[in-house]
């Protein structure tokens, strides 16, 4: 089993870009914006489910699900704008 990825699409141009790739044996889920659209939250679920990942701590650590937070310097463009 490989890594799961999250893609973002621009509905106006149809352009698709990779936003992130999850660790081995994980599922990328739970994409949500903050009210000001400057912060995005993404969940990484069940990494290393088959024993091939030690995300997020590495080494021999037990893998754990995680919430990733990414904050932009400026607000994202709304589809309504």
Foldseek 3Di string as FASTA:
>chain_A
DAWEWDWDADVVPRDIDTPGTGHGPWYKDDWDADPQQFKIKIKTPDHCVVPPDQPPPDDNHNHDIDIDMDGHPHHDDDPVD
